[in-house]
């Protein structure tokens, strides 16, 4: 019967924790890049279609 955790068990759990955080941060950065790329491509499509940037409605 085993009671408690060994140093290796604690290290593995902590390492997994930090790896999960790093993976989440990388996924968030990748999502932001993809979102920015999509917005940029959409803006370029508008420029290419009309030759000018669309203007916001004046209030």
C-alpha atoms as a PDB file:
ATOM      1  CA  UNK A   1       0.000   0.000   0.000  1.00  0.00           C
ATOM      2  CA  UNK A   2       1.339   3.398  -0.961  1.00  0.00           C
ATOM      3  CA  UNK A   3       0.628   6.548   1.004  1.00  0.00           C
ATOM      4  CA  UNK A   4       1.400  10.059  -0.234  1.00  0.00           C
ATOM      5  CA  UNK A   5       3.275  11.201  -3.287  1.00  0.00           C
ATOM      6  CA  UNK A   6       6.888  10.823  -4.236  1.00  0.00           C
ATOM      7  CA  UNK A   7       8.932  13.798  -5.380  1.00  0.00           C
ATOM      8  CA  UNK A   8       8.628  12.500  -8.959  1.00  0.00           C
ATOM      9  CA  UNK A   9       4.805  12.412  -8.688  1.00  0.00           C
ATOM     10  CA  UNK A  10       4.681  16.012  -7.476  1.00  0.00           C
ATOM     11  CA  UNK A  11       7.138  17.109 -10.170  1.00  0.00           C
ATOM     12  CA  UNK A  12       5.080  15.383 -12.884  1.00  0.00           C
ATOM     13  CA  UNK A  13       1.860  17.011 -11.690  1.00  0.00           C
ATOM     14  CA  UNK A  14       3.459  20.454 -11.478  1.00  0.00           C
ATOM     15  CA  UNK A  15       5.111  19.994 -14.861  1.00  0.00           C
ATOM     16  CA  UNK A  16       1.749  19.003 -16.380  1.00  0.00           C
ATOM     17  CA  UNK A  17       0.145  22.073 -14.789  1.00  0.00           C
ATOM     18  CA  UNK A  18       2.671  24.468 -16.327  1.00  0.00           C
ATOM     19  CA  UNK A  19       2.526  22.646 -19.664  1.00  0.00           C
ATOM     20  CA  UNK A  20      -1.263  23.071 -19.695  1.00  0.00           C
ATOM     21  CA  UNK A  21      -0.855  26.809 -19.043  1.00  0.00           C
ATOM     22  CA  UNK A  22       1.731  27.117 -21.809  1.00  0.00           C
ATOM     23  CA  UNK A  23      -0.503  25.180 -24.227  1.00  0.00           C
ATOM     24  CA  UNK A  24      -3.465  27.440 -23.399  1.00  0.00           C
ATOM     25  CA  UNK A  25      -1.372  30.575 -23.911  1.00  0.00           C
ATOM     26  CA  UNK A  26      -0.068  29.272 -27.237  1.00  0.00           C
ATOM     27  CA  UNK A  27      -3.607  28.414 -28.353  1.00  0.00           C
ATOM     28  CA  UNK A  28      -4.774  31.917 -27.421  1.00  0.00           C
ATOM     29  CA  UNK A  29      -1.892  33.540 -29.324  1.00  0.00           C
ATOM     30  CA  UNK A  30      -2.622  31.365 -32.358  1.00  0.00           C
ATOM     31  CA  UNK A  31      -6.321  32.290 -32.221  1.00  0.00           C
ATOM     32  CA  UNK A  32      -5.430  35.991 -32.087  1.00  0.00           C
ATOM     33  CA  UNK A  33      -3.088  35.590 -35.063  1.00  0.00           C
ATOM     34  CA  UNK A  34      -5.795  33.804 -37.041  1.00  0.00           C
ATOM     35  CA  UNK A  35      -8.367  36.446 -36.123  1.00  0.00           C
ATOM     36  CA  UNK A  36      -6.033  39.263 -37.145  1.00  0.00           C
ATOM     37  CA  UNK A  37      -5.165  37.449 -40.371  1.00  0.00           C
ATOM     38  CA  UNK A  38      -8.868  36.985 -41.201  1.00  0.00           C
ATOM     39  CA  UNK A  39      -9.579  40.664 -40.491  1.00  0.00           C
ATOM     40  CA  UNK A  40      -6.615  41.747 -42.611  1.00  0.00           C
ATOM     41  CA  UNK A  41      -7.659  39.471 -45.483  1.00  0.00           C
ATOM     42  CA  UNK A  42     -11.214  40.803 -45.278  1.00  0.00           C
ATOM     43  CA  UNK A  43      -9.934  44.383 -45.375  1.00  0.00           C
ATOM     44  CA  UNK A  44      -7.733  43.582 -48.382  1.00  0.00           C
ATOM     45  CA  UNK A  45     -10.722  42.051 -50.167  1.00  0.00           C
ATOM     46  CA  UNK A  46     -12.636  45.305 -49.617  1.00  0.00           C
ATOM     47  CA  UNK A  47      -9.722  47.332 -50.965  1.00  0.00           C
ATOM     48  CA  UNK A  48      -9.380  45.081 -53.988  1.00  0.00           C
ATOM     49  CA  UNK A  49     -13.116  45.163 -54.769  1.00  0.00           C
ATOM     50  CA  UNK A  50     -13.564  48.932 -54.558  1.00  0.00           C
ATOM     51  CA  UNK A  51     -10.059  50.342 -54.708  1.00  0.00           C
ATOM     52  CA  UNK A  52     -10.669  52.266 -51.466  1.00  0.00           C
ATOM     53  CA  UNK A  53     -11.127  51.475 -47.812  1.00  0.00           C
ATOM     54  CA  UNK A  54     -14.730  51.429 -46.619  1.00  0.00           C
ATOM     55  CA  UNK A  55     -15.581  54.483 -44.507  1.00  0.00           C
ATOM     56  CA  UNK A  56     -17.641  54.353 -41.333  1.00  0.00           C
ATOM     57  CA  UNK A  57     -20.978  56.156 -41.421  1.00  0.00           C
ATOM     58  CA  UNK A  58     -20.673  59.770 -40.289  1.00  0.00           C
ATOM     59  CA  UNK A  59     -22.813  60.660 -37.304  1.00  0.00           C
END
